C-alpha atoms as a PDB file:
ATOM      1  CA  MET A   1     -35.599  -5.439 -19.245  1.00  0.00           C
ATOM      2  CA  ILE A   2     -34.114  -1.978 -19.443  1.00  0.00           C
ATOM      3  CA  TYR A   3     -33.162   0.575 -16.866  1.00  0.00           C
ATOM      4  CA  VAL A   4     -34.554   4.168 -16.600  1.00  0.00           C
ATOM      5  CA  LEU A   5     -32.525   6.999 -15.057  1.00  0.00           C
ATOM      6  CA  ASP A   6     -33.884   9.683 -12.859  1.00  0.00           C
ATOM      7  CA  PRO A   7     -33.289  13.139 -14.418  1.00  0.00           C
ATOM      8  CA  GLY A   8     -30.979  14.016 -11.488  1.00  0.00           C
ATOM      9  CA  ALA A   9     -28.999  10.854 -12.118  1.00  0.00           C
ATOM     10  CA  GLU A  10     -28.719  11.815 -15.788  1.00  0.00           C
ATOM     11  CA  GLN A  11     -27.300  15.240 -14.798  1.00  0.00           C
ATOM     12  CA  ASN A  12     -24.829  13.645 -12.395  1.00  0.00           C
ATOM     13  CA  ILE A  13     -23.590  11.225 -15.133  1.00  0.00           C
ATOM     14  CA  ALA A  14     -23.269  14.132 -17.609  1.00  0.00           C
ATOM     15  CA  GLY A  15     -21.274  16.057 -15.089  1.00  0.00           C
ATOM     16  CA  ALA A  16     -19.000  13.141 -14.426  1.00  0.00           C
ATOM     17  CA  LEU A  17     -18.494  12.675 -18.152  1.00  0.00           C
ATOM     18  CA  ASP A  18     -17.660  16.263 -18.600  1.00  0.00           C
ATOM     19  CA  PHE A  19     -15.214  16.159 -15.725  1.00  0.00           C
ATOM     20  CA  CYS A  20     -13.531  13.004 -17.060  1.00  0.00           C
ATOM     21  CA  ALA A  21     -13.280  14.537 -20.583  1.00  0.00           C
ATOM     22  CA  GLU A  22     -11.824  17.755 -19.267  1.00  0.00           C
ATOM     23  CA  GLN A  23      -9.348  16.188 -16.864  1.00  0.00           C
ATOM     24  CA  ALA A  24      -8.321  13.010 -18.618  1.00  0.00           C
ATOM     25  CA  GLY A  25      -9.741  13.041 -22.208  1.00  0.00           C
ATOM     26  CA  MET A  26     -12.656  11.677 -24.035  1.00  0.00           C
ATOM     27  CA  ALA A  27     -11.276   8.122 -24.107  1.00  0.00           C
ATOM     28  CA  VAL A  28     -11.428   8.019 -20.273  1.00  0.00           C
ATOM     29  CA  ALA A  29     -14.900   9.622 -20.326  1.00  0.00           C
ATOM     30  CA  MET A  30     -16.081   6.846 -22.643  1.00  0.00           C
ATOM     31  CA  ARG A  31     -14.515   4.212 -20.325  1.00  0.00           C
ATOM     32  CA  PHE A  32     -16.580   5.792 -17.476  1.00  0.00           C
ATOM     33  CA  LEU A  33     -19.764   5.545 -19.463  1.00  0.00           C
ATOM     34  CA  ASP A  34     -19.010   1.944 -20.449  1.00  0.00           C
ATOM     35  CA  GLU A  35     -18.368   1.058 -16.824  1.00  0.00           C
ATOM     36  CA  PHE A  36     -21.610   2.749 -15.715  1.00  0.00           C
ATOM     37  CA  GLU A  37     -23.600   1.037 -18.399  1.00  0.00           C
ATOM     38  CA  ARG A  38     -22.005  -2.374 -17.483  1.00  0.00           C
ATOM     39  CA  VAL A  39     -23.047  -1.869 -13.885  1.00  0.00           C
ATOM     40  CA  ALA A  40     -26.499  -0.653 -14.773  1.00  0.00           C
ATOM     41  CA  GLN A  41     -27.061  -3.829 -16.852  1.00  0.00           C
ATOM     42  CA  LEU A  42     -25.793  -5.951 -13.997  1.00  0.00           C
ATOM     43  CA  PHE A  43     -28.589  -4.491 -11.806  1.00  0.00           C
ATOM     44  CA  VAL A  44     -31.195  -5.285 -14.470  1.00  0.00           C
ATOM     45  CA  ASP A  45     -29.954  -8.873 -14.699  1.00  0.00           C
ATOM     46  CA  HIS A  46     -29.317  -9.288 -10.842  1.00  0.00           C
ATOM     47  CA  PRO A  47     -31.450  -6.705  -8.927  1.00  0.00           C
ATOM     48  CA  GLY A  48     -30.020  -7.874  -5.532  1.00  0.00           C
ATOM     49  CA  PHE A  49     -26.444  -6.815  -6.282  1.00  0.00           C
ATOM     50  CA  GLY A  50     -25.050  -3.989  -4.269  1.00  0.00           C
ATOM     51  CA  THR A  51     -24.940  -3.223  -0.573  1.00  0.00           C
ATOM     52  CA  PRO A  52     -28.258  -2.409   1.007  1.00  0.00           C
ATOM     53  CA  THR A  53     -28.611   0.911   2.818  1.00  0.00           C
ATOM     54  CA  THR A  54     -30.862   1.925   5.664  1.00  0.00           C
ATOM     55  CA  SER A  55     -33.007   3.871   3.217  1.00  0.00           C
ATOM     56  CA  GLY A  56     -34.021   0.748   1.301  1.00  0.00           C
ATOM     57  CA  ARG A  57     -31.649   1.501  -1.615  1.00  0.00           C
ATOM     58  CA  ARG A  58     -28.592  -0.285  -2.743  1.00  0.00           C
ATOM     59  CA  VAL A  59     -25.152   1.099  -3.548  1.00  0.00           C
ATOM     60  CA  PHE A  60     -22.500  -0.413  -5.803  1.00  0.00           C
ATOM     61  CA  PRO A  61     -19.088   1.192  -6.521  1.00  0.00           C
ATOM     62  CA  LEU A  62     -17.596   1.502  -9.981  1.00  0.00           C
ATOM     63  CA  HIS A  63     -14.366  -0.403 -10.193  1.00  0.00           C
ATOM     64  CA  VAL A  64     -12.029   2.125 -11.729  1.00  0.00           C
ATOM     65  CA  PHE A  65     -13.688   5.402 -11.020  1.00  0.00           C
ATOM     66  CA  PRO A  66     -14.362   7.167  -7.695  1.00  0.00           C
ATOM     67  CA  TYR A  67     -18.136   6.914  -8.087  1.00  0.00           C
ATOM     68  CA  SER A  68     -20.839   4.603  -6.825  1.00  0.00           C
ATOM     69  CA  VAL A  69     -24.238   3.853  -8.333  1.00  0.00           C
ATOM     70  CA  VAL A  70     -27.200   4.122  -5.938  1.00  0.00           C
ATOM     71  CA  TYR A  71     -30.426   2.399  -6.882  1.00  0.00           C
END
């Protein structure tokens, strides 16, 4: 199974990548992308991961970066 991103989520990720690249360099931006993809694959393999919210979604923080994935 694969995951599909909402266009708004794609924009958010692109913005975070740009920010990381500008502030800390391309290597850090690539680490951010690797971490996001690792977490996204985790959700594909284990859809129940993350903390449930009252809106019926789940949230899961990235380990190194100050971002969370909402799905």
